[in-house]
Amino acid sequence: MPSDTPRAEPALELRDVSKQFGDLQALKSVSLRVAPGDSILLYGPNGAGKTTLLRVLSTLARPSKGKVLLNGEDVHSNPVAAKSAIGFVTHTTFLYGELTVRENLEFAGKLFGLTSIDKRLADVLDTFHLRERAGTMVRELSRGYQQRVSLARAFLHDPQFLLLDEPFTGLDAASAESLQGLMRRLEGQGKALIFSTHDFEQGKAIARRLVALENGKVRYDGPVSHAPIAVLRAADSPSAGALSASFP
């Protein structure tokens, strides 16, 4: 398991963030600090607010209250810099089905202003084992291959922060193992990783820090090694209140 050694001052931060969707409050006064080299498992039952938190961090959703800061600056005051620093994978791939794998990645590279697109493109095609499918239209790919393309796009611009929402969706065993290895190496590269997965065993093998959510609130934020494992596993069941019964 990765070490629990404290890291440097935070570079990406939520300050007292709430997010409202009509009558539903998806996030409730959430504060979170993500430092360079952090590896964070975001965990909790369905509807806990995990996806909303990642979307707010990624700048795809604005908080109803509170601030999202990158290096002390509000991300929405300089969205170009924020998007350049962040790679995001969400449930929806947002790929263009009528474009090939290569064309999707080339288009993303242009949006990020990459100047050495050929080298980066070759790197991610190899990393995610997509070279043989580079000329295939995305609509012709399986869900697992589409997930690989989505991951390749997130890593394409070599971002400092990787936000991955259920990144193992659709991947076969070999691809999932390869991705786990890639995610473990990010900490040593000084990059920050925050990801969600319903498989706690899988998550704790990657992350050294756990952020547990329930009903839009942070119930635990600390080392994975100190977390109440039995309660967290119960939190993945349909029964409500499992986390709040044990976390203050």
Foldseek 3Di string as FASTA:
>chain_A
DDDQDDDDFFFKWWAQFWADDPPATLAGGDIDGWFFLAEEEEAFAPSLNQQVVLCCSQVVDPTPDTAIGGNRHGCVVPVLVSNLQEFEDDPDLPFDQQAFLQVRLVVLCVSNVDPPQVVLSVVLCVLLVNPVRRRPGNNPDDPQVSLSSSVSSSPSSPHQEYEYEQSCPPHDPVSLVSVLVVLQCSSVVRGTYYYYDLPVVSSLVRGQWYFYGGSNYTQDTGGPVPDPVVLRNVRHDPDPDSSVVPGD
